[in-house]
Amino acid sequence: MHRRGAAAVALLLTGALLSGCSALHDLAAGSTTGDATPSPRTCLPPGADPDPSPAPAPTLDPNVATQIRKALAAVRALPAVDTVGESRSNAQSTYPDPERSYCQLVENHFSTDVTVTVSPEATPQQAGAVPSTMAKHLAWTGVSLSMTVPAGPGHVASVVHYNRTFDQSIPLETSTGVADGLQRIASTSGVTSVEASIPYTMRVEYGSLTVTVDPADETTLAAVRSVIDGTAFADTTLHGSFHNGAKP
């Protein structure tokens, strides 16, 4: 009787351990640790595009979500910041199933876009503080920033995009230099719009600068080029009223 009882207990314990391992495996399979997460293992024929209709709602890892909340709260507290917005999106891609050669698996890439509008009277230091402050709280390339300085006395509106740059520190000197350059260009006679894009490397010269000028005659273009030469965008590729791909 004792042996049978011990055997029964051993079987029960073994079954419980196996069930626990299975549950842990299921939890691990469903966990996410970054901005790219696999969808349920549905077989997608090679060459087929993912059906966007069942795409999961954009969600973030809890640690990343906390970082973003803190970053946006810090930006809202900055002087000269008028509005702060946030939106999330999900882009899907496919990759070969290592276990089924006739299948592709779908991967989700969640990202967050932050939009900030500062006061038309914001100084370059105040505008530059926005990306630098965000970078202090973030360590994720899935965040991009679009910041607008509306038109004000003596200058047209300007927009700058920081594309997935927030896995690194952004020195205030660098971001202030970008904001100062945009302000100087936006204040130049003949300029009607200014928009810049800063790449994830934070190398301003590898970004782009779009400037529209009216009238777009050689004299006005030369005057605008002269201003650009004295800014952080001196070596940045120009677009707009200038020939696409032109260098100042």
C-alpha atoms as a PDB file:
ATOM      1  CA  MET A   1       0.000   0.000   0.000  1.00  0.00           C
ATOM      2  CA  HIS A   2       2.772   2.419   0.880  1.00  0.00           C
ATOM      3  CA  ARG A   3       4.590   1.722  -2.390  1.00  0.00           C
ATOM      4  CA  ARG A   4       1.419   2.199  -4.430  1.00  0.00           C
ATOM      5  CA  GLY A   5       0.660   5.439  -2.598  1.00  0.00           C
ATOM      6  CA  ALA A   6       4.182   6.729  -3.177  1.00  0.00           C
ATOM      7  CA  ALA A   7       3.988   5.835  -6.861  1.00  0.00           C
ATOM      8  CA  ALA A   8       0.686   7.667  -7.213  1.00  0.00           C
ATOM      9  CA  VAL A   9       2.115  10.762  -5.539  1.00  0.00           C
ATOM     10  CA  ALA A  10       5.169  10.627  -7.813  1.00  0.00           C
ATOM     11  CA  LEU A  11       2.949  10.431 -10.888  1.00  0.00           C
ATOM     12  CA  LEU A  12       0.895  13.391  -9.707  1.00  0.00           C
ATOM     13  CA  LEU A  13       4.023  15.467  -9.079  1.00  0.00           C
ATOM     14  CA  THR A  14       5.448  14.550 -12.484  1.00  0.00           C
ATOM     15  CA  GLY A  15       2.200  15.569 -14.187  1.00  0.00           C
ATOM     16  CA  ALA A  16       2.168  18.883 -12.329  1.00  0.00           C
ATOM     17  CA  LEU A  17       5.758  19.630 -13.332  1.00  0.00           C
ATOM     18  CA  LEU A  18       5.050  18.850 -16.971  1.00  0.00           C
ATOM     19  CA  SER A  19       1.952  21.060 -16.930  1.00  0.00           C
ATOM     20  CA  GLY A  20       3.964  23.874 -15.361  1.00  0.00           C
ATOM     21  CA  CYS A  21       6.663  23.631 -18.037  1.00  0.00           C
ATOM     22  CA  SER A  22       4.026  23.709 -20.755  1.00  0.00           C
ATOM     23  CA  ALA A  23       2.409  26.799 -19.237  1.00  0.00           C
ATOM     24  CA  LEU A  24       5.768  28.556 -18.965  1.00  0.00           C
ATOM     25  CA  HIS A  25       6.537  27.750 -22.595  1.00  0.00           C
ATOM     26  CA  ASP A  26       3.182  29.202 -23.665  1.00  0.00           C
ATOM     27  CA  LEU A  27       3.839  32.391 -21.693  1.00  0.00           C
ATOM     28  CA  ALA A  28       7.292  32.780 -23.209  1.00  0.00           C
ATOM     29  CA  ALA A  29       5.942  32.213 -26.700  1.00  0.00           C
ATOM     30  CA  GLY A  30       3.413  34.984 -26.210  1.00  0.00           C
ATOM     31  CA  SER A  31       5.747  37.520 -24.598  1.00  0.00           C
ATOM     32  CA  THR A  32       7.132  40.603 -26.339  1.00  0.00           C
ATOM     33  CA  THR A  33      10.336  42.438 -25.569  1.00  0.00           C
ATOM     34  CA  GLY A  34      10.636  45.088 -28.277  1.00  0.00           C
ATOM     35  CA  ASP A  35       8.980  46.800 -31.194  1.00  0.00           C
ATOM     36  CA  ALA A  36       8.954  43.732 -33.456  1.00  0.00           C
ATOM     37  CA  THR A  37       6.616  40.913 -32.438  1.00  0.00           C
ATOM     38  CA  PRO A  38       5.599  37.768 -34.322  1.00  0.00           C
ATOM     39  CA  SER A  39       1.952  37.252 -35.176  1.00  0.00           C
ATOM     40  CA  PRO A  40       0.269  33.888 -34.534  1.00  0.00           C
ATOM     41  CA  ARG A  41       1.990  31.256 -36.657  1.00  0.00           C
ATOM     42  CA  THR A  42      -0.366  31.446 -39.618  1.00  0.00           C
ATOM     43  CA  CYS A  43       1.021  30.129 -42.874  1.00  0.00           C
ATOM     44  CA  LEU A  44       1.270  32.852 -45.508  1.00  0.00           C
ATOM     45  CA  PRO A  45       2.207  31.657 -49.026  1.00  0.00           C
ATOM     46  CA  PRO A  46       5.602  32.878 -50.290  1.00  0.00           C
ATOM     47  CA  GLY A  47       5.281  36.210 -52.080  1.00  0.00           C
ATOM     48  CA  ALA A  48       1.930  37.070 -50.494  1.00  0.00           C
ATOM     49  CA  ASP A  49       1.456  40.319 -48.585  1.00  0.00           C
ATOM     50  CA  PRO A  50       0.002  40.331 -45.065  1.00  0.00           C
ATOM     51  CA  ASP A  51      -3.722  41.043 -44.878  1.00  0.00           C
ATOM     52  CA  PRO A  52      -3.931  44.372 -43.010  1.00  0.00           C
ATOM     53  CA  SER A  53      -7.446  43.769 -41.696  1.00  0.00           C
ATOM     54  CA  PRO A  54      -6.527  41.437 -38.791  1.00  0.00           C
ATOM     55  CA  ALA A  55      -3.391  43.403 -37.858  1.00  0.00           C
ATOM     56  CA  PRO A  56      -3.168  43.778 -34.081  1.00  0.00           C
ATOM     57  CA  ALA A  57      -3.662  47.175 -32.505  1.00  0.00           C
ATOM     58  CA  PRO A  58      -0.335  48.946 -31.941  1.00  0.00           C
ATOM     59  CA  THR A  59       0.830  48.119 -28.435  1.00  0.00           C
ATOM     60  CA  LEU A  60       4.107  48.780 -26.681  1.00  0.00           C
ATOM     61  CA  ASP A  61       6.316  46.906 -24.291  1.00  0.00           C
ATOM     62  CA  PRO A  62       5.471  48.224 -20.780  1.00  0.00           C
ATOM     63  CA  ASN A  63       9.006  49.531 -20.248  1.00  0.00           C
ATOM     64  CA  VAL A  64       8.936  51.417 -23.547  1.00  0.00           C
ATOM     65  CA  ALA A  65       5.463  52.792 -22.811  1.00  0.00           C
ATOM     66  CA  THR A  66       6.710  54.097 -19.455  1.00  0.00           C
ATOM     67  CA  GLN A  67       9.690  55.766 -21.122  1.00  0.00           C
ATOM     68  CA  ILE A  68       7.428  57.500 -23.626  1.00  0.00           C
ATOM     69  CA  ARG A  69       5.029  58.735 -20.933  1.00  0.00           C
ATOM     70  CA  LYS A  70       7.910  60.228 -18.961  1.00  0.00           C
ATOM     71  CA  ALA A  71       9.435  61.797 -22.075  1.00  0.00           C
ATOM     72  CA  LEU A  72       6.169  63.445 -23.122  1.00  0.00           C
ATOM     73  CA  ALA A  73       5.506  64.708 -19.600  1.00  0.00           C
ATOM     74  CA  ALA A  74       8.969  66.279 -19.534  1.00  0.00           C
ATOM     75  CA  VAL A  75       8.416  67.908 -22.940  1.00  0.00           C
ATOM     76  CA  ARG A  76       5.030  69.315 -21.893  1.00  0.00           C
ATOM     77  CA  ALA A  77       6.742  70.977 -18.932  1.00  0.00           C
ATOM     78  CA  LEU A  78       9.247  72.822 -21.142  1.00  0.00           C
ATOM     79  CA  PRO A  79       8.844  76.560 -21.710  1.00  0.00           C
ATOM     80  CA  ALA A  80       7.430  77.640 -25.099  1.00  0.00           C
ATOM     81  CA  VAL A  81       5.862  74.216 -25.792  1.00  0.00           C
ATOM     82  CA  ASP A  82       2.242  74.698 -26.869  1.00  0.00           C
ATOM     83  CA  THR A  83       0.987  71.230 -27.830  1.00  0.00           C
ATOM     84  CA  VAL A  84       2.248  67.651 -27.643  1.00  0.00           C
ATOM     85  CA  GLY A  85       0.596  64.742 -29.453  1.00  0.00           C
ATOM     86  CA  GLU A  86       1.279  61.036 -29.823  1.00  0.00           C
ATOM     87  CA  SER A  87       0.137  58.394 -32.298  1.00  0.00           C
ATOM     88  CA  ARG A  88       1.068  54.743 -32.728  1.00  0.00           C
ATOM     89  CA  SER A  89       1.244  52.629 -35.848  1.00  0.00           C
ATOM     90  CA  ASN A  90       2.038  49.083 -36.902  1.00  0.00           C
ATOM     91  CA  ALA A  91       3.911  48.145 -40.067  1.00  0.00           C
ATOM     92  CA  GLN A  92       3.982  44.468 -40.991  1.00  0.00           C
ATOM     93  CA  SER A  93       6.673  42.477 -42.760  1.00  0.00           C
ATOM     94  CA  THR A  94       7.193  38.791 -43.539  1.00  0.00           C
ATOM     95  CA  TYR A  95      10.057  36.366 -43.086  1.00  0.00           C
ATOM     96  CA  PRO A  96      10.542  32.657 -43.950  1.00  0.00           C
ATOM     97  CA  ASP A  97       9.261  30.124 -41.452  1.00  0.00           C
ATOM     98  CA  PRO A  98      12.347  28.110 -40.413  1.00  0.00           C
ATOM     99  CA  GLU A  99      10.170  25.040 -39.835  1.00  0.00           C
ATOM    100  CA  ARG A 100       7.951  25.232 -42.932  1.00  0.00           C
ATOM    101  CA  SER A 101       9.665  26.136 -46.205  1.00  0.00           C
ATOM    102  CA  TYR A 102       6.329  26.768 -47.912  1.00  0.00           C
ATOM    103  CA  CYS A 103       5.303  29.412 -45.354  1.00  0.00           C
ATOM    104  CA  GLN A 104       6.036  32.998 -44.423  1.00  0.00           C
ATOM    105  CA  LEU A 105       5.456  34.397 -40.952  1.00  0.00           C
ATOM    106  CA  VAL A 106       4.199  37.911 -40.271  1.00  0.00           C
ATOM    107  CA  GLU A 107       6.120  40.269 -38.004  1.00  0.00           C
ATOM    108  CA  ASN A 108       4.662  43.452 -36.489  1.00  0.00           C
ATOM    109  CA  HIS A 109       6.756  46.615 -36.126  1.00  0.00           C
ATOM    110  CA  PHE A 110       5.142  49.019 -33.690  1.00  0.00           C
ATOM    111  CA  SER A 111       6.242  52.651 -33.624  1.00  0.00           C
ATOM    112  CA  THR A 112       5.298  55.942 -32.006  1.00  0.00           C
ATOM    113  CA  ASP A 113       5.172  59.346 -33.690  1.00  0.00           C
ATOM    114  CA  VAL A 114       5.342  62.415 -31.466  1.00  0.00           C
ATOM    115  CA  THR A 115       4.199  65.816 -32.737  1.00  0.00           C
ATOM    116  CA  VAL A 116       5.153  69.002 -30.926  1.00  0.00           C
ATOM    117  CA  THR A 117       4.214  72.594 -31.670  1.00  0.00           C
ATOM    118  CA  VAL A 118       6.161  75.320 -29.934  1.00  0.00           C
ATOM    119  CA  SER A 119       5.373  79.008 -29.667  1.00  0.00           C
ATOM    120  CA  PRO A 120       6.128  81.154 -32.741  1.00  0.00           C
ATOM    121  CA  GLU A 121       8.354  83.196 -30.407  1.00  0.00           C
ATOM    122  CA  ALA A 122      10.325  80.170 -29.175  1.00  0.00           C
ATOM    123  CA  THR A 123      14.075  80.697 -29.096  1.00  0.00           C
ATOM    124  CA  PRO A 124      16.420  78.158 -30.724  1.00  0.00           C
ATOM    125  CA  GLN A 125      17.418  77.006 -27.230  1.00  0.00           C
ATOM    126  CA  GLN A 126      13.779  76.394 -26.299  1.00  0.00           C
ATOM    127  CA  ALA A 127      13.046  74.526 -29.530  1.00  0.00           C
ATOM    128  CA  GLY A 128      16.282  72.563 -29.256  1.00  0.00           C
ATOM    129  CA  ALA A 129      15.376  71.451 -25.739  1.00  0.00           C
ATOM    130  CA  VAL A 130      12.501  69.331 -27.091  1.00  0.00           C
ATOM    131  CA  PRO A 131      14.488  66.545 -28.834  1.00  0.00           C
ATOM    132  CA  SER A 132      17.263  66.696 -26.233  1.00  0.00           C
ATOM    133  CA  THR A 133      14.753  66.234 -23.413  1.00  0.00           C
ATOM    134  CA  MET A 134      13.045  63.341 -25.187  1.00  0.00           C
ATOM    135  CA  ALA A 135      16.389  61.610 -25.693  1.00  0.00           C
ATOM    136  CA  LYS A 136      17.098  61.735 -21.949  1.00  0.00           C
ATOM    137  CA  HIS A 137      14.087  59.517 -21.280  1.00  0.00           C
ATOM    138  CA  LEU A 138      14.098  57.191 -24.303  1.00  0.00           C
ATOM    139  CA  ALA A 139      16.236  54.301 -25.489  1.00  0.00           C
ATOM    140  CA  TRP A 140      14.240  53.106 -28.492  1.00  0.00           C
ATOM    141  CA  THR A 141      14.513  53.690 -32.244  1.00  0.00           C
ATOM    142  CA  GLY A 142      10.755  53.236 -32.641  1.00  0.00           C
ATOM    143  CA  VAL A 143      10.062  56.882 -31.744  1.00  0.00           C
ATOM    144  CA  SER A 144      10.108  59.773 -34.218  1.00  0.00           C
ATOM    145  CA  LEU A 145       9.500  63.471 -33.584  1.00  0.00           C
ATOM    146  CA  SER A 146       7.965  66.136 -35.813  1.00  0.00           C
ATOM    147  CA  MET A 147       8.275  69.639 -34.373  1.00  0.00           C
ATOM    148  CA  THR A 148       6.711  72.779 -35.813  1.00  0.00           C
ATOM    149  CA  VAL A 149       7.539  76.401 -35.155  1.00  0.00           C
ATOM    150  CA  PRO A 150       4.518  78.303 -36.523  1.00  0.00           C
ATOM    151  CA  ALA A 151       4.935  81.466 -38.548  1.00  0.00           C
ATOM    152  CA  GLY A 152       5.469  84.588 -36.483  1.00  0.00           C
ATOM    153  CA  PRO A 153       6.689  88.154 -36.821  1.00  0.00           C
ATOM    154  CA  GLY A 154       9.596  88.170 -39.258  1.00  0.00           C
ATOM    155  CA  HIS A 155       9.668  84.459 -40.093  1.00  0.00           C
ATOM    156  CA  VAL A 156       7.698  81.733 -41.866  1.00  0.00           C
ATOM    157  CA  ALA A 157       6.819  78.402 -40.279  1.00  0.00           C
ATOM    158  CA  SER A 158       9.459  75.688 -40.051  1.00  0.00           C
ATOM    159  CA  VAL A 159       9.228  71.952 -39.441  1.00  0.00           C
ATOM    160  CA  VAL A 160      11.901  69.477 -38.381  1.00  0.00           C
ATOM    161  CA  HIS A 161      11.651  65.689 -38.259  1.00  0.00           C
ATOM    162  CA  TYR A 162      13.879  63.588 -36.010  1.00  0.00           C
ATOM    163  CA  ASN A 163      13.519  60.123 -37.515  1.00  0.00           C
ATOM    164  CA  ARG A 164      14.085  57.245 -35.057  1.00  0.00           C
ATOM    165  CA  THR A 165      16.949  59.077 -33.365  1.00  0.00           C
ATOM    166  CA  PHE A 166      16.010  58.365 -29.760  1.00  0.00           C
ATOM    167  CA  ASP A 167      18.268  55.455 -28.863  1.00  0.00           C
ATOM    168  CA  GLN A 168      21.105  57.888 -28.141  1.00  0.00           C
ATOM    169  CA  SER A 169      21.768  61.144 -26.351  1.00  0.00           C
ATOM    170  CA  ILE A 170      21.123  64.321 -28.337  1.00  0.00           C
ATOM    171  CA  PRO A 171      23.376  67.122 -27.086  1.00  0.00           C
ATOM    172  CA  LEU A 172      21.538  70.383 -26.524  1.00  0.00           C
ATOM    173  CA  GLU A 173      24.253  72.114 -28.532  1.00  0.00           C
ATOM    174  CA  THR A 174      23.413  69.957 -31.564  1.00  0.00           C
ATOM    175  CA  SER A 175      19.634  70.350 -31.394  1.00  0.00           C
ATOM    176  CA  THR A 176      19.958  74.077 -30.694  1.00  0.00           C
ATOM    177  CA  GLY A 177      22.180  74.398 -33.762  1.00  0.00           C
ATOM    178  CA  VAL A 178      19.480  72.719 -35.854  1.00  0.00           C
ATOM    179  CA  ALA A 179      16.768  75.007 -34.446  1.00  0.00           C
ATOM    180  CA  ASP A 180      18.935  78.092 -34.913  1.00  0.00           C
ATOM    181  CA  GLY A 181      19.615  77.189 -38.542  1.00  0.00           C
ATOM    182  CA  LEU A 182      15.918  76.704 -39.256  1.00  0.00           C
ATOM    183  CA  GLN A 183      15.048  80.003 -37.599  1.00  0.00           C
ATOM    184  CA  ARG A 184      17.657  81.889 -39.606  1.00  0.00           C
ATOM    185  CA  ILE A 185      16.513  80.343 -42.883  1.00  0.00           C
ATOM    186  CA  ALA A 186      12.836  80.926 -42.022  1.00  0.00           C
ATOM    187  CA  SER A 187      13.653  84.594 -41.376  1.00  0.00           C
ATOM    188  CA  THR A 188      15.367  85.095 -44.742  1.00  0.00           C
ATOM    189  CA  SER A 189      13.644  87.315 -47.284  1.00  0.00           C
ATOM    190  CA  GLY A 190      12.009  85.336 -50.093  1.00  0.00           C
ATOM    191  CA  VAL A 191      11.730  82.056 -48.166  1.00  0.00           C
ATOM    192  CA  THR A 192       8.150  80.753 -48.025  1.00  0.00           C
ATOM    193  CA  SER A 193       8.631  77.386 -46.273  1.00  0.00           C
ATOM    194  CA  VAL A 194      11.339  75.380 -44.513  1.00  0.00           C
ATOM    195  CA  GLU A 195      11.376  71.687 -43.602  1.00  0.00           C
ATOM    196  CA  ALA A 196      14.292  69.561 -42.425  1.00  0.00           C
ATOM    197  CA  SER A 197      14.766  65.865 -41.742  1.00  0.00           C
ATOM    198  CA  ILE A 198      17.400  64.585 -39.307  1.00  0.00           C
ATOM    199  CA  PRO A 199      18.379  60.913 -39.838  1.00  0.00           C
ATOM    200  CA  TYR A 200      18.704  58.320 -37.082  1.00  0.00           C
ATOM    201  CA  THR A 201      22.486  58.780 -37.127  1.00  0.00           C
ATOM    202  CA  MET A 202      22.021  62.428 -36.031  1.00  0.00           C
ATOM    203  CA  ARG A 203      24.374  63.395 -38.867  1.00  0.00           C
ATOM    204  CA  VAL A 204      22.671  66.579 -40.055  1.00  0.00           C
ATOM    205  CA  GLU A 205      24.650  66.589 -43.293  1.00  0.00           C
ATOM    206  CA  TYR A 206      23.112  63.215 -44.197  1.00  0.00           C
ATOM    207  CA  GLY A 207      19.585  64.518 -43.733  1.00  0.00           C
ATOM    208  CA  SER A 208      17.603  66.741 -46.053  1.00  0.00           C
ATOM    209  CA  LEU A 209      16.521  70.371 -46.185  1.00  0.00           C
ATOM    210  CA  THR A 210      13.564  71.523 -48.264  1.00  0.00           C
ATOM    211  CA  VAL A 211      13.320  75.264 -48.849  1.00  0.00           C
ATOM    212  CA  THR A 212      10.837  76.994 -51.135  1.00  0.00           C
ATOM    213  CA  VAL A 213      11.602  80.491 -52.349  1.00  0.00           C
ATOM    214  CA  ASP A 214       9.494  83.110 -54.103  1.00  0.00           C
ATOM    215  CA  PRO A 215      10.635  84.559 -56.406  1.00  0.00           C
ATOM    216  CA  ALA A 216      12.938  81.661 -57.263  1.00  0.00           C
ATOM    217  CA  ASP A 217      15.351  83.796 -59.257  1.00  0.00           C
ATOM    218  CA  GLU A 218      19.096  83.376 -59.090  1.00  0.00           C
ATOM    219  CA  THR A 219      19.605  86.428 -56.889  1.00  0.00           C
ATOM    220  CA  THR A 220      17.147  85.240 -54.227  1.00  0.00           C
ATOM    221  CA  LEU A 221      18.423  81.661 -54.367  1.00  0.00           C
ATOM    222  CA  ALA A 222      21.996  82.878 -53.975  1.00  0.00           C
ATOM    223  CA  ALA A 223      21.013  84.965 -50.947  1.00  0.00           C
ATOM    224  CA  VAL A 224      19.286  81.983 -49.324  1.00  0.00           C
ATOM    225  CA  ARG A 225      22.249  79.726 -50.074  1.00  0.00           C
ATOM    226  CA  SER A 226      24.504  82.243 -48.366  1.00  0.00           C
ATOM    227  CA  VAL A 227      22.395  82.041 -45.206  1.00  0.00           C
ATOM    228  CA  ILE A 228      22.332  78.231 -45.295  1.00  0.00           C
ATOM    229  CA  ASP A 229      26.130  78.170 -45.554  1.00  0.00           C
ATOM    230  CA  GLY A 230      26.320  79.739 -42.101  1.00  0.00           C
ATOM    231  CA  THR A 231      24.079  77.157 -40.411  1.00  0.00           C
ATOM    232  CA  ALA A 232      24.200  73.523 -39.316  1.00  0.00           C
ATOM    233  CA  PHE A 233      22.752  72.684 -42.755  1.00  0.00           C
ATOM    234  CA  ALA A 234      25.771  73.912 -44.712  1.00  0.00           C
ATOM    235  CA  ASP A 235      26.481  70.413 -46.090  1.00  0.00           C
ATOM    236  CA  THR A 236      22.920  69.068 -46.146  1.00  0.00           C
ATOM    237  CA  THR A 237      21.281  68.044 -49.415  1.00  0.00           C
ATOM    238  CA  LEU A 238      18.813  70.686 -50.629  1.00  0.00           C
ATOM    239  CA  HIS A 239      15.356  70.227 -52.123  1.00  0.00           C
ATOM    240  CA  GLY A 240      12.448  72.475 -52.998  1.00  0.00           C
ATOM    241  CA  SER A 241      13.196  75.573 -55.062  1.00  0.00           C
ATOM    242  CA  PHE A 242      16.758  74.348 -55.447  1.00  0.00           C
ATOM    243  CA  HIS A 243      17.586  71.505 -57.805  1.00  0.00           C
ATOM    244  CA  ASN A 244      16.839  68.266 -55.974  1.00  0.00           C
ATOM    245  CA  GLY A 245      20.016  66.822 -54.556  1.00  0.00           C
ATOM    246  CA  ALA A 246      21.850  70.136 -54.728  1.00  0.00           C
ATOM    247  CA  LYS A 247      24.452  71.011 -52.165  1.00  0.00           C
ATOM    248  CA  PRO A 248      24.661  74.585 -50.863  1.00  0.00           C
END
